[in-house]
Amino acid sequence: MRIQNSKQAGFTLIELLVVLAIIGLLAGLVGPQVMKHLGGAKTSTAKAQVEELSGALDMYRIDVGNYPTTEQGLKALVEKPANVSIWNGPYLRKNKLPQDPWLKDYHYVSPGQHGKFDLFSYGADGREGGEGEDKDSVSWE
């Protein structure tokens, strides 16, 4: 017959608190770095989408003879406008307009202040200007 030890094996409350404190410190150091890279990825995605939409607008102009008006908007890339006779669209692969990474519509103005058209996203804050993730992604830079 075996005699059981009266002490139970396990972790003490102090040991658990030390481990939780270490995990909290690591999360505090790593978390902001991960969020910084996530924001940068969204900004890069927005810039790439602006470039893709600009290319589609150029293809539209080659077929139709001019860029869509502000009223026709980017929708002219996926649906034939009523007053256009030659249209070889849709000009986007997925046949639908993408939203920016912050789930907002891209802004389109034609004629633009910076060129034949202005195409842009206001970034995470949805307002003109900004730094980092709030920086605008524009077609004229």
C-alpha atoms as a PDB file:
ATOM      1  CA  MET A   1       0.000   0.000   0.000  1.00  0.00           C
ATOM      2  CA  ARG A   2       1.291   3.464  -1.004  1.00  0.00           C
ATOM      3  CA  ILE A   3       1.108   6.448   1.218  1.00  0.00           C
ATOM      4  CA  GLN A   4       0.045   9.615  -0.580  1.00  0.00           C
ATOM      5  CA  ASN A   5       1.849  12.828  -0.029  1.00  0.00           C
ATOM      6  CA  SER A   6      -0.383  15.497   1.482  1.00  0.00           C
ATOM      7  CA  LYS A   7       1.040  18.176  -0.862  1.00  0.00           C
ATOM      8  CA  GLN A   8      -0.641  18.505  -4.267  1.00  0.00           C
ATOM      9  CA  ALA A   9       1.516  19.239  -7.340  1.00  0.00           C
ATOM     10  CA  GLY A  10       0.591  22.436  -9.205  1.00  0.00           C
ATOM     11  CA  PHE A  11       1.302  26.125  -9.649  1.00  0.00           C
ATOM     12  CA  THR A  12       1.068  28.670  -6.894  1.00  0.00           C
ATOM     13  CA  LEU A  13      -0.884  31.881  -7.256  1.00  0.00           C
ATOM     14  CA  ILE A  14       2.366  33.860  -7.360  1.00  0.00           C
ATOM     15  CA  GLU A  15       3.703  31.762 -10.241  1.00  0.00           C
ATOM     16  CA  LEU A  16       0.495  32.272 -12.220  1.00  0.00           C
ATOM     17  CA  LEU A  17       0.585  36.037 -11.624  1.00  0.00           C
ATOM     18  CA  VAL A  18       4.210  36.209 -12.800  1.00  0.00           C
ATOM     19  CA  VAL A  19       3.343  34.337 -16.007  1.00  0.00           C
ATOM     20  CA  LEU A  20       0.336  36.596 -16.637  1.00  0.00           C
ATOM     21  CA  ALA A  21       2.480  39.690 -16.068  1.00  0.00           C
ATOM     22  CA  ILE A  22       5.059  38.448 -18.599  1.00  0.00           C
ATOM     23  CA  ILE A  23       2.328  37.726 -21.161  1.00  0.00           C
ATOM     24  CA  GLY A  24       0.873  41.198 -20.567  1.00  0.00           C
ATOM     25  CA  LEU A  25       4.271  42.848 -21.109  1.00  0.00           C
ATOM     26  CA  LEU A  26       4.855  40.916 -24.324  1.00  0.00           C
ATOM     27  CA  ALA A  27       1.398  41.827 -25.634  1.00  0.00           C
ATOM     28  CA  GLY A  28       2.070  45.477 -24.807  1.00  0.00           C
ATOM     29  CA  LEU A  29       5.308  45.462 -26.770  1.00  0.00           C
ATOM     30  CA  VAL A  30       4.277  43.325 -29.744  1.00  0.00           C
ATOM     31  CA  GLY A  31       0.692  44.549 -30.208  1.00  0.00           C
ATOM     32  CA  PRO A  32       1.516  48.095 -31.382  1.00  0.00           C
ATOM     33  CA  GLN A  33       4.106  46.781 -33.855  1.00  0.00           C
ATOM     34  CA  VAL A  34       1.587  44.375 -35.371  1.00  0.00           C
ATOM     35  CA  MET A  35      -1.028  47.144 -35.650  1.00  0.00           C
ATOM     36  CA  LYS A  36       1.517  49.458 -37.303  1.00  0.00           C
ATOM     37  CA  HIS A  37       2.236  46.864 -40.004  1.00  0.00           C
ATOM     38  CA  LEU A  38      -1.478  46.153 -40.467  1.00  0.00           C
ATOM     39  CA  GLY A  39      -2.134  49.857 -41.078  1.00  0.00           C
ATOM     40  CA  GLY A  40       0.724  50.028 -43.567  1.00  0.00           C
ATOM     41  CA  ALA A  41      -0.672  47.024 -45.421  1.00  0.00           C
ATOM     42  CA  LYS A  42      -4.070  48.703 -45.769  1.00  0.00           C
ATOM     43  CA  THR A  43      -2.457  51.869 -47.108  1.00  0.00           C
ATOM     44  CA  SER A  44      -0.458  49.824 -49.636  1.00  0.00           C
ATOM     45  CA  THR A  45      -3.626  47.994 -50.678  1.00  0.00           C
ATOM     46  CA  ALA A  46      -5.451  51.283 -51.231  1.00  0.00           C
ATOM     47  CA  LYS A  47      -2.603  52.605 -53.387  1.00  0.00           C
ATOM     48  CA  ALA A  48      -2.609  49.398 -55.457  1.00  0.00           C
ATOM     49  CA  GLN A  49      -6.379  49.608 -55.942  1.00  0.00           C
ATOM     50  CA  VAL A  50      -6.101  53.252 -57.047  1.00  0.00           C
ATOM     51  CA  GLU A  51      -3.512  52.152 -59.625  1.00  0.00           C
ATOM     52  CA  GLU A  52      -5.766  49.298 -60.832  1.00  0.00           C
ATOM     53  CA  LEU A  53      -8.790  51.578 -61.123  1.00  0.00           C
ATOM     54  CA  SER A  54      -6.682  54.189 -62.960  1.00  0.00           C
ATOM     55  CA  GLY A  55      -5.652  51.534 -65.481  1.00  0.00           C
ATOM     56  CA  ALA A  56      -9.287  50.527 -65.969  1.00  0.00           C
ATOM     57  CA  LEU A  57     -10.200  54.192 -66.510  1.00  0.00           C
ATOM     58  CA  ASP A  58      -7.489  54.448 -69.179  1.00  0.00           C
ATOM     59  CA  MET A  59      -8.926  51.385 -70.960  1.00  0.00           C
ATOM     60  CA  TYR A  60     -12.395  52.957 -70.807  1.00  0.00           C
ATOM     61  CA  ARG A  61     -11.002  56.153 -72.366  1.00  0.00           C
ATOM     62  CA  ILE A  62      -9.353  54.194 -75.186  1.00  0.00           C
ATOM     63  CA  ASP A  63     -12.683  52.512 -76.040  1.00  0.00           C
ATOM     64  CA  VAL A  64     -15.118  55.367 -75.454  1.00  0.00           C
ATOM     65  CA  GLY A  65     -12.933  58.368 -76.303  1.00  0.00           C
ATOM     66  CA  ASN A  66     -13.091  60.123 -72.924  1.00  0.00           C
ATOM     67  CA  TYR A  67     -13.077  59.369 -69.215  1.00  0.00           C
ATOM     68  CA  PRO A  68     -16.397  58.855 -67.427  1.00  0.00           C
ATOM     69  CA  THR A  69     -17.912  62.056 -66.108  1.00  0.00           C
ATOM     70  CA  THR A  70     -18.162  62.662 -62.382  1.00  0.00           C
ATOM     71  CA  GLU A  71     -21.881  61.867 -62.637  1.00  0.00           C
ATOM     72  CA  GLN A  72     -21.221  58.549 -64.402  1.00  0.00           C
ATOM     73  CA  GLY A  73     -18.521  57.835 -61.844  1.00  0.00           C
ATOM     74  CA  LEU A  74     -16.590  54.615 -61.458  1.00  0.00           C
ATOM     75  CA  LYS A  75     -19.803  52.692 -62.050  1.00  0.00           C
ATOM     76  CA  ALA A  76     -19.142  53.236 -65.778  1.00  0.00           C
ATOM     77  CA  LEU A  77     -16.330  50.697 -65.458  1.00  0.00           C
ATOM     78  CA  VAL A  78     -18.758  47.861 -64.660  1.00  0.00           C
ATOM     79  CA  GLU A  79     -22.064  49.025 -66.224  1.00  0.00           C
ATOM     80  CA  LYS A  80     -22.525  50.645 -69.615  1.00  0.00           C
ATOM     81  CA  PRO A  81     -23.633  54.277 -69.258  1.00  0.00           C
ATOM     82  CA  ALA A  82     -26.850  55.162 -71.077  1.00  0.00           C
ATOM     83  CA  ASN A  83     -25.317  57.762 -73.426  1.00  0.00           C
ATOM     84  CA  VAL A  84     -22.258  55.715 -74.495  1.00  0.00           C
ATOM     85  CA  SER A  85     -22.381  53.862 -77.832  1.00  0.00           C
ATOM     86  CA  ILE A  86     -19.013  52.012 -77.830  1.00  0.00           C
ATOM     87  CA  TRP A  87     -18.344  50.241 -74.538  1.00  0.00           C
ATOM     88  CA  ASN A  88     -16.268  47.068 -74.287  1.00  0.00           C
ATOM     89  CA  GLY A  89     -16.555  46.592 -70.539  1.00  0.00           C
ATOM     90  CA  PRO A  90     -16.700  45.622 -67.872  1.00  0.00           C
ATOM     91  CA  TYR A  91     -13.219  46.964 -67.287  1.00  0.00           C
ATOM     92  CA  LEU A  92     -12.683  45.345 -63.882  1.00  0.00           C
ATOM     93  CA  ARG A  93     -11.987  41.645 -63.386  1.00  0.00           C
ATOM     94  CA  LYS A  94     -14.622  41.028 -60.739  1.00  0.00           C
ATOM     95  CA  ASN A  95     -17.326  43.106 -62.467  1.00  0.00           C
ATOM     96  CA  LYS A  96     -17.870  45.092 -59.276  1.00  0.00           C
ATOM     97  CA  LEU A  97     -16.327  48.197 -57.800  1.00  0.00           C
ATOM     98  CA  PRO A  98     -13.953  47.609 -54.916  1.00  0.00           C
ATOM     99  CA  GLN A  99     -14.167  49.613 -51.727  1.00  0.00           C
ATOM    100  CA  ASP A 100     -11.044  50.891 -50.062  1.00  0.00           C
ATOM    101  CA  PRO A 101      -9.549  48.779 -47.244  1.00  0.00           C
ATOM    102  CA  TRP A 102     -11.571  50.797 -44.705  1.00  0.00           C
ATOM    103  CA  LEU A 103     -14.812  49.791 -46.492  1.00  0.00           C
ATOM    104  CA  LYS A 104     -15.478  53.231 -47.972  1.00  0.00           C
ATOM    105  CA  ASP A 105     -16.089  54.066 -51.623  1.00  0.00           C
ATOM    106  CA  TYR A 106     -13.302  55.608 -53.690  1.00  0.00           C
ATOM    107  CA  HIS A 107     -13.820  59.229 -54.742  1.00  0.00           C
ATOM    108  CA  TYR A 108     -13.758  60.066 -58.454  1.00  0.00           C
ATOM    109  CA  VAL A 109     -13.883  63.494 -60.117  1.00  0.00           C
ATOM    110  CA  SER A 110     -13.566  64.154 -63.848  1.00  0.00           C
ATOM    111  CA  PRO A 111     -12.199  66.480 -65.006  1.00  0.00           C
ATOM    112  CA  GLY A 112      -9.937  66.585 -61.989  1.00  0.00           C
ATOM    113  CA  GLN A 113      -7.906  69.349 -60.395  1.00  0.00           C
ATOM    114  CA  HIS A 114      -4.691  67.327 -60.762  1.00  0.00           C
ATOM    115  CA  GLY A 115      -5.210  65.772 -64.199  1.00  0.00           C
ATOM    116  CA  LYS A 116      -7.871  64.340 -66.509  1.00  0.00           C
ATOM    117  CA  PHE A 117      -9.409  62.682 -63.447  1.00  0.00           C
ATOM    118  CA  ASP A 118      -8.840  62.571 -59.710  1.00  0.00           C
ATOM    119  CA  LEU A 119      -9.248  59.214 -57.984  1.00  0.00           C
ATOM    120  CA  PHE A 120      -8.602  58.914 -54.266  1.00  0.00           C
ATOM    121  CA  SER A 121      -9.340  57.416 -50.864  1.00  0.00           C
ATOM    122  CA  TYR A 122      -9.199  59.540 -47.709  1.00  0.00           C
ATOM    123  CA  GLY A 123      -7.601  56.742 -45.659  1.00  0.00           C
ATOM    124  CA  ALA A 124      -8.659  55.371 -42.280  1.00  0.00           C
ATOM    125  CA  ASP A 125     -10.020  58.649 -40.895  1.00  0.00           C
ATOM    126  CA  GLY A 126     -12.187  59.408 -43.957  1.00  0.00           C
ATOM    127  CA  ARG A 127     -10.896  63.001 -44.072  1.00  0.00           C
ATOM    128  CA  GLU A 128      -8.528  64.836 -46.374  1.00  0.00           C
ATOM    129  CA  GLY A 129      -4.855  64.748 -45.389  1.00  0.00           C
ATOM    130  CA  GLY A 130      -3.350  62.767 -42.574  1.00  0.00           C
ATOM    131  CA  GLU A 131      -0.316  60.720 -41.662  1.00  0.00           C
ATOM    132  CA  GLY A 132       0.295  56.992 -41.533  1.00  0.00           C
ATOM    133  CA  GLU A 133      -2.923  55.000 -41.918  1.00  0.00           C
ATOM    134  CA  ASP A 134      -4.918  58.250 -42.249  1.00  0.00           C
ATOM    135  CA  LYS A 135      -2.882  59.340 -45.306  1.00  0.00           C
ATOM    136  CA  ASP A 136      -4.818  59.765 -48.544  1.00  0.00           C
ATOM    137  CA  SER A 137      -4.169  57.373 -51.453  1.00  0.00           C
ATOM    138  CA  VAL A 138      -4.359  59.405 -54.662  1.00  0.00           C
ATOM    139  CA  SER A 139      -3.997  58.844 -58.400  1.00  0.00           C
ATOM    140  CA  TRP A 140      -1.873  61.921 -59.139  1.00  0.00           C
ATOM    141  CA  GLU A 141       1.269  61.141 -57.118  1.00  0.00           C
END
